[in-house]
N, C-alpha and C. Protein backbone atom coordinates (compact mmCIF):
# COMPACT_ATOMS: atom_id res chain seq x y z
N UNK A 1 -3.19 34.30 -13.58
CA UNK A 1 -2.56 34.17 -12.09
C UNK A 1 -3.26 34.72 -11.17
N UNK A 2 -3.44 34.42 -9.77
CA UNK A 2 -4.28 34.67 -9.15
C UNK A 2 -3.43 35.77 -8.02
N UNK A 3 -3.92 37.15 -8.16
CA UNK A 3 -3.13 37.80 -7.06
C UNK A 3 -4.07 38.57 -5.99
N UNK A 4 -3.41 38.49 -4.91
CA UNK A 4 -4.00 39.42 -3.43
C UNK A 4 -3.67 40.79 -3.62
N UNK A 5 -4.22 41.90 -3.54
CA UNK A 5 -3.67 42.95 -3.32
C UNK A 5 -3.98 43.53 -1.72
N UNK A 6 -2.87 43.67 -1.34
CA UNK A 6 -2.76 44.30 -0.13
C UNK A 6 -2.27 45.02 0.67
N UNK A 7 -2.96 45.46 1.49
CA UNK A 7 -2.44 46.72 2.50
C UNK A 7 -2.65 46.94 3.82
N UNK A 8 -2.10 47.35 4.63
CA UNK A 8 -2.30 47.22 6.21
C UNK A 8 -2.11 48.61 6.79
N UNK A 9 -2.89 48.59 8.05
CA UNK A 9 -2.40 50.19 8.65
C UNK A 9 -2.33 50.01 9.96
N UNK A 10 -1.26 50.86 10.55
CA UNK A 10 -0.37 50.17 11.73
C UNK A 10 -0.55 51.45 12.73
N UNK A 11 0.08 50.74 13.99
CA UNK A 11 0.30 52.29 15.33
C UNK A 11 1.46 52.90 15.17
N UNK A 12 2.11 52.57 14.24
CA UNK A 12 3.34 53.25 13.90
C UNK A 12 4.32 53.04 12.59
N UNK A 13 5.60 52.96 12.27
CA UNK A 13 6.19 52.78 11.67
C UNK A 13 7.34 51.75 11.68
N UNK A 14 7.57 51.17 12.67
CA UNK A 14 8.46 50.24 12.98
C UNK A 14 8.34 49.03 13.95
N UNK A 15 7.83 47.69 13.60
CA UNK A 15 7.69 46.66 14.04
C UNK A 15 8.74 46.72 15.16
N UNK A 16 9.80 46.63 14.87
CA UNK A 16 10.98 46.76 15.90
C UNK A 16 10.99 47.44 17.28
N UNK A 17 10.25 48.59 17.14
CA UNK A 17 9.78 49.41 18.01
C UNK A 17 8.55 48.98 18.91
N UNK A 18 8.07 47.68 18.45
CA UNK A 18 6.70 47.27 19.08
C UNK A 18 5.43 48.05 18.06
N UNK A 19 5.58 48.70 17.48
CA UNK A 19 4.27 48.83 16.54
C UNK A 19 3.93 47.56 15.99
N UNK A 20 2.50 47.58 16.04
CA UNK A 20 1.74 46.53 15.57
C UNK A 20 0.79 47.18 14.45
N UNK A 21 0.21 46.03 13.73
CA UNK A 21 -1.05 46.38 12.50
C UNK A 21 -2.29 46.27 13.25
N UNK A 22 -3.08 47.50 12.58
CA UNK A 22 -4.66 47.61 13.26
C UNK A 22 -5.80 47.41 12.37
N UNK A 23 -5.16 47.22 10.88
CA UNK A 23 -6.32 47.19 10.15
C UNK A 23 -5.23 46.09 8.87
N UNK A 24 -5.91 44.96 8.51
CA UNK A 24 -5.48 44.41 6.94
C UNK A 24 -6.46 44.19 6.08
N UNK A 25 -6.02 44.46 5.00
CA UNK A 25 -7.63 44.50 3.64
C UNK A 25 -6.79 43.96 2.82
N UNK A 26 -7.68 42.58 2.02
CA UNK A 26 -6.64 42.58 0.77
C UNK A 26 -7.73 41.70 0.06
N UNK A 27 -7.75 41.84 -1.31
CA UNK A 27 -8.63 41.40 -2.01
C UNK A 27 -8.30 40.61 -3.21
N UNK A 28 -9.09 39.66 -4.00
CA UNK A 28 -8.61 38.98 -4.63
C UNK A 28 -8.43 39.35 -6.15
N UNK A 29 -7.43 39.36 -7.24
CA UNK A 29 -7.79 39.60 -8.04
C UNK A 29 -7.87 38.07 -9.06
N UNK A 30 -8.30 38.35 -10.43
CA UNK A 30 -7.87 36.91 -11.27
C UNK A 30 -8.36 37.33 -13.11
N UNK A 31 -7.52 36.88 -13.73
CA UNK A 31 -7.72 37.58 -15.30
C UNK A 31 -8.19 39.08 -14.91
N UNK A 32 -7.28 39.82 -14.50
CA UNK A 32 -7.35 41.36 -14.32
C UNK A 32 -8.86 41.68 -14.01
N UNK A 33 -9.58 40.99 -13.33
CA UNK A 33 -10.60 41.27 -12.70
C UNK A 33 -10.72 41.18 -11.51
N UNK A 34 -11.35 42.30 -10.47
CA UNK A 34 -11.28 42.32 -9.24
C UNK A 34 -12.44 41.56 -8.97
N UNK A 35 -12.24 40.30 -7.59
CA UNK A 35 -13.34 39.77 -7.30
C UNK A 35 -13.80 39.96 -6.11
N UNK A 36 -15.45 40.18 -6.34
CA UNK A 36 -15.64 40.71 -4.80
C UNK A 36 -16.88 39.40 -4.31
N UNK A 37 -17.39 39.88 -3.17
CA UNK A 37 -17.85 38.80 -2.32
C UNK A 37 -16.93 38.02 -1.06
N UNK A 38 -17.87 37.77 -0.23
CA UNK A 38 -17.25 37.07 1.08
C UNK A 38 -15.63 36.39 0.80
N UNK A 39 -16.15 35.14 0.21
CA UNK A 39 -14.93 34.43 -0.10
C UNK A 39 -13.46 35.29 -0.94
N UNK A 40 -13.57 36.33 -1.60
CA UNK A 40 -12.62 36.98 -2.69
C UNK A 40 -11.89 38.33 -1.73
N UNK A 41 -12.81 38.45 -0.23
CA UNK A 41 -12.18 39.58 0.49
C UNK A 41 -11.62 39.13 1.87
N UNK A 42 -10.66 39.72 2.18
CA UNK A 42 -10.42 39.35 3.26
C UNK A 42 -9.91 40.89 4.63
N UNK A 43 -10.63 41.22 5.17
CA UNK A 43 -10.78 42.31 5.68
C UNK A 43 -10.95 42.12 7.25
N UNK A 44 -9.99 42.96 8.08
CA UNK A 44 -9.96 42.73 9.67
C UNK A 44 -9.55 44.29 10.22
N UNK A 45 -10.21 44.71 11.51
CA UNK A 45 -9.94 45.77 12.37
C UNK A 45 -9.12 44.55 12.82
N UNK A 46 -7.72 45.49 13.75
CA UNK A 46 -7.04 44.29 14.73
C UNK A 46 -6.76 45.12 15.87
N UNK A 47 -6.68 44.53 16.91
CA UNK A 47 -6.65 45.00 18.08
C UNK A 47 -5.22 44.77 18.29
N UNK A 48 -4.57 45.73 18.71
CA UNK A 48 -2.75 45.83 18.64
C UNK A 48 -2.19 45.70 20.00
N UNK A 49 -3.21 45.59 20.68
CA UNK A 49 -2.57 45.31 22.39
C UNK A 49 -1.94 46.26 23.08
N UNK A 50 -1.90 47.80 22.04
CA UNK A 50 -1.59 48.88 22.75
C UNK A 50 -2.03 50.65 21.92
N UNK A 51 -1.92 51.06 22.58
CA UNK A 51 -2.79 52.46 22.32
C UNK A 51 -2.49 52.89 20.64
N UNK A 52 -3.03 53.36 20.38
CA UNK A 52 -3.19 53.67 18.45
C UNK A 52 -2.99 55.68 19.29
N UNK A 53 -1.56 56.02 18.39
CA UNK A 53 -1.39 57.39 18.80
C UNK A 53 -2.46 58.31 17.76
N UNK A 54 -2.70 59.59 18.07
CA UNK A 54 -3.37 60.16 17.64
C UNK A 54 -2.87 60.71 16.09
N UNK A 55 -1.58 61.12 16.04
CA UNK A 55 -1.57 61.37 14.86
C UNK A 55 -1.25 60.07 13.93
N UNK A 56 -1.73 59.00 14.10
CA UNK A 56 -1.76 58.07 13.04
C UNK A 56 -3.15 58.08 12.66
N UNK A 57 -4.20 57.77 14.33
CA UNK A 57 -5.62 58.02 13.90
C UNK A 57 -5.99 59.14 12.63
N UNK A 58 -5.31 60.09 12.63
CA UNK A 58 -5.22 61.27 11.93
C UNK A 58 -5.21 60.55 10.23
N UNK A 59 -4.08 59.32 10.21
CA UNK A 59 -4.01 59.34 8.63
C UNK A 59 -4.93 58.09 8.37
N UNK A 60 -5.18 57.24 9.35
CA UNK A 60 -6.35 56.01 8.79
C UNK A 60 -7.36 55.83 9.64
N UNK A 61 -7.98 56.87 10.72
CA UNK A 61 -9.26 56.69 10.96
C UNK A 61 -9.44 55.87 12.35
N UNK A 62 -8.19 54.83 12.36
CA UNK A 62 -8.47 53.79 13.48
C UNK A 62 -8.09 54.27 14.92
N UNK A 63 -9.35 54.26 15.73
CA UNK A 63 -8.81 54.65 17.07
C UNK A 63 -8.86 53.56 17.82
N UNK A 64 -9.00 53.79 19.11
CA UNK A 64 -8.80 52.69 20.13
C UNK A 64 -9.99 51.99 20.40
N UNK A 65 -11.41 53.03 19.80
CA UNK A 65 -12.49 52.36 20.18
C UNK A 65 -12.73 51.68 19.28
N UNK A 66 -12.25 51.68 17.69
CA UNK A 66 -12.31 50.84 16.69
C UNK A 66 -12.00 49.68 16.95
N UNK A 67 -10.67 49.62 17.72
CA UNK A 67 -10.76 47.82 17.79
C UNK A 67 -10.49 47.31 18.85
N UNK A 68 -11.20 48.13 19.94
CA UNK A 68 -11.64 46.95 21.15
C UNK A 68 -12.79 46.17 21.12
N UNK A 69 -12.13 45.24 21.47
CA UNK A 69 -12.87 43.76 20.97
C UNK A 69 -12.87 43.08 19.65
N UNK A 70 -12.10 43.57 19.22
CA UNK A 70 -11.40 43.20 17.80
C UNK A 70 -10.46 42.07 17.97
N UNK A 71 -10.23 41.25 17.39
CA UNK A 71 -9.36 39.90 17.09
C UNK A 71 -7.88 40.73 17.00
N UNK A 72 -6.93 39.53 17.79
CA UNK A 72 -5.93 40.08 17.38
C UNK A 72 -5.25 39.31 16.09
N UNK A 73 -3.96 39.56 15.76
CA UNK A 73 -3.67 39.22 14.42
C UNK A 73 -3.58 38.00 14.42
N UNK A 74 -3.03 37.15 15.87
CA UNK A 74 -2.92 35.59 15.85
C UNK A 74 -4.39 35.13 15.78
N UNK A 75 -5.20 35.81 16.17
CA UNK A 75 -6.87 35.10 15.80
C UNK A 75 -6.95 34.90 14.40
N UNK A 76 -6.42 35.72 13.60
CA UNK A 76 -6.89 35.66 12.28
C UNK A 76 -5.74 35.08 11.36
N UNK A 77 -4.93 34.83 12.08
CA UNK A 77 -3.55 34.65 11.25
C UNK A 77 -3.43 33.42 10.33
N UNK A 78 -4.18 32.23 10.61
CA UNK A 78 -4.36 30.99 9.94
C UNK A 78 -5.31 31.37 8.76
N UNK A 79 -6.37 32.23 9.00
CA UNK A 79 -7.46 32.61 7.98
C UNK A 79 -6.49 33.37 6.81
N UNK A 80 -5.77 34.32 7.52
CA UNK A 80 -4.90 35.36 6.50
C UNK A 80 -4.03 34.21 5.68
N UNK A 81 -3.46 33.30 6.34
CA UNK A 81 -2.63 32.35 5.32
C UNK A 81 -3.29 31.45 4.62
N UNK A 82 -4.45 31.04 4.71
CA UNK A 82 -5.35 30.32 3.89
C UNK A 82 -5.91 31.28 2.68
N UNK A 83 -6.22 32.34 3.25
CA UNK A 83 -6.61 33.53 2.07
C UNK A 83 -5.53 33.74 1.12
N UNK A 84 -4.23 34.07 1.42
CA UNK A 84 -3.21 34.65 0.32
C UNK A 84 -2.72 33.18 0.00
N UNK A 85 -2.72 31.98 -0.06
CA UNK A 85 -2.18 30.50 -0.07
C UNK A 85 -2.25 30.20 -1.50
N UNK A 86 -0.82 30.20 -2.37
CA UNK A 86 -1.18 30.03 -3.99
C UNK A 86 -1.15 31.55 -4.58
N UNK A 87 -1.04 32.32 -3.75
CA UNK A 87 -1.37 33.65 -4.80
C UNK A 87 0.07 34.49 -4.89
N UNK A 88 -0.39 35.51 -5.75
CA UNK A 88 1.12 36.54 -5.42
C UNK A 88 0.67 37.97 -4.63
N UNK A 89 1.29 38.41 -4.25
CA UNK A 89 0.74 39.25 -3.30
C UNK A 89 1.19 40.70 -4.15
N UNK A 90 0.05 41.50 -4.24
CA UNK A 90 0.75 42.87 -4.89
C UNK A 90 0.30 44.11 -3.72
N UNK A 91 1.48 44.51 -3.29
CA UNK A 91 1.89 45.42 -2.64
C UNK A 91 2.55 47.20 -3.01
N UNK A 92 1.86 48.00 -2.74
CA UNK A 92 2.58 49.03 -2.78
C UNK A 92 3.42 49.40 -1.51
N UNK A 93 4.64 49.62 -1.49
CA UNK A 93 5.96 49.72 -0.71
C UNK A 93 5.71 48.28 0.21
N UNK A 94 6.11 47.53 -0.56
CA UNK A 94 5.98 46.07 0.11
C UNK A 94 6.63 45.83 1.45
N UNK A 95 7.95 46.44 1.35
CA UNK A 95 8.68 46.43 2.70
C UNK A 95 8.23 46.94 4.13
N UNK A 96 6.95 47.61 3.77
CA UNK A 96 6.51 48.56 5.10
C UNK A 96 5.36 47.17 5.50
N UNK A 97 4.93 46.64 4.81
CA UNK A 97 3.49 45.73 5.06
C UNK A 97 4.01 44.60 5.44
N UNK A 98 5.26 44.20 4.44
CA UNK A 98 5.48 42.72 4.91
C UNK A 98 6.31 42.98 6.28
N UNK A 99 7.26 43.78 6.69
CA UNK A 99 7.79 43.60 7.87
C UNK A 99 6.59 43.65 9.02
N UNK A 100 5.82 44.51 8.75
CA UNK A 100 4.73 44.09 9.94
C UNK A 100 3.92 42.91 9.98
N UNK A 101 3.42 42.18 8.96
CA UNK A 101 3.12 40.40 8.80
C UNK A 101 4.21 39.76 9.06
N UNK A 102 5.16 39.78 8.63
CA UNK A 102 6.26 39.27 9.11
C UNK A 102 6.56 38.79 10.78
N UNK A 103 6.44 40.26 10.93
CA UNK A 103 6.52 40.22 12.58
C UNK A 103 5.53 39.45 13.28
N UNK A 104 4.29 40.06 12.84
CA UNK A 104 3.06 39.54 13.58
C UNK A 104 3.35 37.96 13.81
N UNK A 105 3.70 36.99 12.26
CA UNK A 105 3.90 35.65 12.46
C UNK A 105 4.64 35.23 13.02
N UNK A 106 5.81 35.85 13.15
CA UNK A 106 7.07 35.51 14.06
C UNK A 106 6.51 35.37 15.66
N UNK A 107 5.85 36.73 15.95
CA UNK A 107 5.14 37.10 17.16
C UNK A 107 4.03 35.68 17.75
N UNK A 108 3.48 35.43 16.80
CA UNK A 108 2.52 33.95 17.24
C UNK A 108 2.99 32.76 16.81
N UNK A 109 3.99 32.49 16.78
CA UNK A 109 4.73 31.34 16.23
C UNK A 109 4.12 30.50 15.13
N UNK A 110 3.81 31.55 14.24
CA UNK A 110 3.76 30.45 12.77
C UNK A 110 4.74 31.02 11.62
N UNK A 111 5.04 29.85 10.80
CA UNK A 111 5.79 30.25 9.67
C UNK A 111 6.05 31.51 8.95
N UNK A 112 6.68 31.73 8.21
CA UNK A 112 6.95 33.15 7.69
C UNK A 112 6.68 32.48 6.35
N UNK A 113 6.44 33.89 5.31
CA UNK A 113 5.98 33.43 4.22
C UNK A 113 7.15 33.83 3.45
N UNK A 114 8.02 33.47 3.61
CA UNK A 114 9.47 34.31 2.96
C UNK A 114 9.18 33.70 1.54
N UNK A 115 8.51 32.80 1.38
CA UNK A 115 8.41 32.35 -0.88
C UNK A 115 7.60 32.89 -1.16
N UNK A 116 6.61 33.48 -0.54
CA UNK A 116 5.09 33.85 -1.53
C UNK A 116 5.76 35.17 -2.42
N UNK A 117 5.44 35.04 -3.97
CA UNK A 117 5.85 36.08 -4.95
C UNK A 117 5.27 37.35 -4.23
N UNK A 118 5.71 38.37 -4.58
CA UNK A 118 5.32 39.76 -4.20
C UNK A 118 5.69 40.54 -5.11
N UNK A 119 4.81 41.51 -5.95
CA UNK A 119 5.28 42.64 -6.64
C UNK A 119 4.93 43.78 -6.11
N UNK A 120 5.87 44.62 -6.15
CA UNK A 120 5.90 45.98 -5.36
C UNK A 120 5.74 46.75 -6.21
N UNK A 121 4.34 47.75 -6.17
CA UNK A 121 4.21 48.26 -7.60
C UNK A 121 4.47 49.77 -7.00
N UNK A 122 5.72 50.14 -6.00
CA UNK A 122 6.46 51.39 -5.42
C UNK A 122 7.68 50.95 -6.38
N UNK A 123 8.05 50.07 -6.52
CA UNK A 123 9.10 49.58 -7.56
C UNK A 123 9.26 49.84 -8.45
N UNK A 124 7.66 48.93 -9.13
CA UNK A 124 7.07 48.96 -10.49
C UNK A 124 6.80 50.00 -10.73
N UNK A 125 6.41 51.47 -10.29
CA UNK A 125 6.05 52.72 -10.52
C UNK A 125 7.54 53.27 -10.79
N UNK A 126 8.63 53.20 -10.07
CA UNK A 126 9.53 54.16 -10.03
C UNK A 126 10.50 53.69 -11.19
N UNK A 127 10.33 52.32 -11.81
CA UNK A 127 10.97 51.56 -13.06
C UNK A 127 10.10 52.40 -14.01
N UNK A 128 8.83 52.05 -14.11
CA UNK A 128 8.33 53.13 -15.30
C UNK A 128 8.45 54.56 -15.37
N UNK A 129 8.11 54.96 -14.44
CA UNK A 129 8.27 56.55 -14.32
C UNK A 129 9.64 57.01 -13.73
N UNK A 130 10.81 56.51 -14.21
CA UNK A 130 11.75 57.47 -13.67
C UNK A 130 12.18 58.99 -13.28
N UNK A 131 10.97 59.65 -14.26
CA UNK A 131 11.01 60.92 -14.07
C UNK A 131 10.08 61.73 -12.85
N UNK A 132 9.84 60.55 -12.60
CA UNK A 132 8.38 61.43 -11.63
C UNK A 132 8.96 61.01 -10.28
N UNK A 133 9.14 62.54 -9.44
CA UNK A 133 9.36 62.20 -7.88
C UNK A 133 8.30 61.68 -7.09
N UNK A 134 6.98 61.84 -7.58
CA UNK A 134 6.07 61.15 -6.84
C UNK A 134 5.66 60.12 -6.88
N UNK A 135 5.12 58.68 -6.48
CA UNK A 135 4.69 57.28 -6.96
C UNK A 135 4.35 57.00 -5.65
N UNK A 136 3.46 57.69 -4.73
CA UNK A 136 2.57 57.33 -3.53
C UNK A 136 1.30 56.54 -4.23
N UNK A 137 0.70 56.37 -3.75
CA UNK A 137 -0.71 55.90 -4.20
C UNK A 137 -1.56 56.78 -5.09
N UNK A 138 -1.55 57.77 -3.75
CA UNK A 138 -2.29 59.24 -4.52
C UNK A 138 -1.66 59.73 -5.87
N UNK A 139 -0.45 59.43 -5.89
CA UNK A 139 0.35 60.12 -7.14
C UNK A 139 -0.41 59.14 -8.29
N UNK A 140 -0.30 57.91 -8.06
CA UNK A 140 -0.22 56.73 -9.11
C UNK A 140 -1.97 57.32 -9.73
N UNK A 141 -2.60 57.40 -8.40
CA UNK A 141 -4.22 57.25 -9.09
C UNK A 141 -4.57 58.46 -9.58
N UNK A 142 -3.74 59.30 -9.57
CA UNK A 142 -3.65 60.80 -10.40
C UNK A 142 -3.26 60.62 -12.07
N UNK A 143 -2.30 59.87 -11.88
CA UNK A 143 -1.31 59.73 -13.22
C UNK A 143 -2.61 58.78 -13.78
N UNK A 144 -2.87 57.92 -13.54
CA UNK A 144 -3.62 57.07 -14.10
C UNK A 144 -5.06 57.33 -14.12
N UNK A 145 -5.33 58.58 -13.34
CA UNK A 145 -7.14 58.71 -13.91
C UNK A 145 -8.15 58.10 -12.82
N UNK A 146 -7.44 57.82 -11.83
CA UNK A 146 -8.07 56.90 -10.72
C UNK A 146 -8.93 57.74 -9.69
N UNK A 147 -10.34 57.79 -9.85
CA UNK A 147 -10.97 58.55 -8.92
C UNK A 147 -11.08 58.00 -7.60
N UNK A 148 -10.47 58.97 -6.53
CA UNK A 148 -10.42 58.72 -5.19
C UNK A 148 -10.84 59.73 -4.29
N UNK A 149 -11.61 60.53 -4.88
CA UNK A 149 -12.24 61.62 -3.94
C UNK A 149 -13.43 60.85 -2.79
N UNK A 150 -13.65 59.60 -2.79
CA UNK A 150 -14.26 58.79 -1.90
C UNK A 150 -13.52 58.83 -0.50
N UNK A 151 -12.43 59.04 -0.88
CA UNK A 151 -10.88 58.51 0.26
C UNK A 151 -10.85 59.67 0.94
N UNK A 152 -11.41 59.74 2.34
CA UNK A 152 -11.20 61.07 3.04
C UNK A 152 -9.86 60.77 3.91
N UNK A 153 -9.37 59.11 4.35
CA UNK A 153 -8.21 58.73 4.80
C UNK A 153 -8.04 57.57 4.48
N UNK A 154 -6.42 56.84 4.65
CA UNK A 154 -6.10 55.88 4.41
C UNK A 154 -7.24 54.66 5.21
N UNK A 155 -7.39 54.02 4.49
CA UNK A 155 -7.87 52.52 4.95
C UNK A 155 -7.55 51.39 4.57
N UNK A 156 -7.10 50.11 4.88
CA UNK A 156 -6.27 49.14 4.22
C UNK A 156 -7.33 48.85 2.93
N UNK A 157 -8.61 48.49 3.44
CA UNK A 157 -9.67 48.09 2.31
C UNK A 157 -9.42 48.77 1.37
N UNK A 158 -9.91 49.96 1.41
CA UNK A 158 -10.06 50.74 0.56
C UNK A 158 -9.11 50.84 -0.76
N UNK A 159 -8.11 51.36 0.38
CA UNK A 159 -6.43 51.34 -0.64
C UNK A 159 -6.17 50.26 -1.49
N UNK A 160 -6.40 48.90 -1.03
CA UNK A 160 -6.37 47.81 -1.57
C UNK A 160 -7.37 47.77 -2.85
N UNK A 161 -8.30 48.32 -2.74
CA UNK A 161 -9.10 48.74 -3.92
C UNK A 161 -8.32 49.69 -4.88
N UNK A 162 -8.33 50.84 -4.39
CA UNK A 162 -7.41 51.36 -5.26
C UNK A 162 -6.50 51.03 -5.99
N UNK A 163 -5.50 50.40 -5.56
CA UNK A 163 -4.29 49.53 -5.75
C UNK A 163 -4.52 48.54 -6.75
N UNK A 164 -5.62 48.49 -6.72
CA UNK A 164 -5.61 47.38 -7.72
C UNK A 164 -6.02 47.54 -9.10
N UNK A 165 -6.81 49.01 -9.06
CA UNK A 165 -7.04 49.71 -10.14
C UNK A 165 -5.87 50.32 -10.66
N UNK A 166 -4.87 50.81 -9.83
CA UNK A 166 -3.80 51.08 -10.29
C UNK A 166 -2.72 50.28 -11.19
N UNK A 167 -2.94 49.14 -10.64
CA UNK A 167 -2.07 47.86 -11.05
C UNK A 167 -3.05 47.62 -12.13
N UNK A 168 -4.10 47.60 -12.53
CA UNK A 168 -4.61 47.04 -13.79
C UNK A 168 -4.37 48.25 -14.88
N UNK A 169 -4.35 49.70 -14.50
CA UNK A 169 -3.76 50.63 -15.20
C UNK A 169 -2.18 50.63 -15.67
N UNK A 170 -1.39 50.12 -14.72
CA UNK A 170 0.07 50.43 -15.04
C UNK A 170 0.66 48.99 -15.73
N UNK A 171 -0.23 48.07 -15.96
CA UNK A 171 -0.23 46.52 -16.66
C UNK A 171 -0.75 46.67 -17.77
N UNK A 172 -1.68 47.74 -18.13
CA UNK A 172 -2.50 47.75 -19.37
C UNK A 172 -1.44 47.63 -20.47
N UNK A 173 -2.13 46.52 -21.62
CA UNK A 173 -1.14 46.42 -22.67
C UNK A 173 -0.42 45.19 -22.56
N UNK A 174 -0.14 44.51 -21.19
CA UNK A 174 0.87 43.52 -21.54
C UNK A 174 0.22 42.40 -21.01
N UNK A 175 0.65 41.37 -21.52
CA UNK A 175 -0.09 40.12 -20.88
C UNK A 175 -0.30 39.90 -19.51
N UNK A 176 -1.25 39.84 -18.75
CA UNK A 176 -1.30 39.96 -16.91
C UNK A 176 -0.35 39.16 -16.66
N UNK A 177 0.82 40.05 -16.00
CA UNK A 177 1.63 39.52 -14.96
C UNK A 177 2.92 39.02 -15.68
N UNK A 178 2.81 38.65 -17.00
CA UNK A 178 4.19 38.23 -17.94
C UNK A 178 5.01 39.40 -17.47
N UNK A 179 5.08 40.76 -17.71
CA UNK A 179 6.33 41.75 -17.67
C UNK A 179 5.87 42.40 -16.08
N UNK A 180 5.68 41.38 -15.30
CA UNK A 180 5.11 42.13 -13.65
C UNK A 180 6.56 41.21 -13.08
N UNK A 181 7.65 41.31 -12.69
CA UNK A 181 8.57 40.59 -11.85
C UNK A 181 7.71 40.26 -10.25
N UNK A 182 8.24 39.17 -10.24
CA UNK A 182 7.74 39.14 -8.55
C UNK A 182 8.86 38.85 -7.65
N UNK A 183 9.04 39.37 -7.02
CA UNK A 183 10.29 38.66 -5.69
C UNK A 183 9.60 37.96 -4.62
N UNK A 184 10.48 37.16 -3.94
CA UNK A 184 10.11 36.09 -2.82
C UNK A 184 10.13 37.67 -1.94
N UNK A 185 9.09 37.14 -1.03
CA UNK A 185 8.79 37.99 0.53
C UNK A 185 9.63 38.36 1.12
N UNK A 186 10.77 37.27 1.24
CA UNK A 186 11.67 37.48 2.08
C UNK A 186 12.59 38.74 1.72
N UNK A 187 12.60 39.05 0.37
CA UNK A 187 13.49 39.96 -0.31
C UNK A 187 13.37 41.45 0.07
N UNK A 188 11.86 41.50 0.99
CA UNK A 188 11.17 42.62 1.13
C UNK A 188 11.32 42.83 2.93
N UNK A 189 11.38 41.62 3.55
CA UNK A 189 10.63 41.83 4.67
C UNK A 189 12.04 41.26 5.72
N UNK A 190 13.07 42.21 6.27
CA UNK A 190 13.70 41.49 6.96
C UNK A 190 13.18 41.87 8.57
N UNK A 191 13.77 40.79 9.21
CA UNK A 191 12.78 40.56 10.69
C UNK A 191 13.29 41.86 11.54
N UNK A 192 12.44 42.14 12.35
CA UNK A 192 12.87 43.53 13.21
C UNK A 192 14.03 42.97 13.93
N UNK A 193 15.16 44.09 14.20
CA UNK A 193 16.41 44.29 15.09
C UNK A 193 15.62 44.18 16.70
N UNK A 194 15.95 42.83 17.25
CA UNK A 194 15.07 43.10 19.05
C UNK A 194 16.41 43.44 19.50
């Protein structure tokens, strides 16, 4: 099974209120191995066409200067669609990231990725660890003994790498993918109410 581990960083929390992506990072995994190299990694800082609030910059480190002159999502959208083609997406809190991705595709006149299979590691963690209140990526790294000391800020590519390690740990002892149900992306991403 070809998996794409994906994360985004944004200008806020609601595409319906005009928030946009400022970074997208994704890495390919096959046969329980993370693949490296240019053709297996998709990473872009994105110009959102609006200011990035300071409170969000403090979380992900992406400021207006960092995205000046960077492509918009529309500029890299087809390359993104080509990268994920035929894969299952693995996303922590999939509804958040997919709402932004679906919104960007809509704004750029591109088809939605409604039928792309998605594994939400947040939902998986809640099912596997019902007695734990915290199932954030940080909490899961701690629970599974995954080193994250090099992570001072959130970052889409770094968080994708950490999530890949978390996913491998969460599914250890299982045939890869067989006990990890996916759902279509449309189940996670309702279009923003305009």
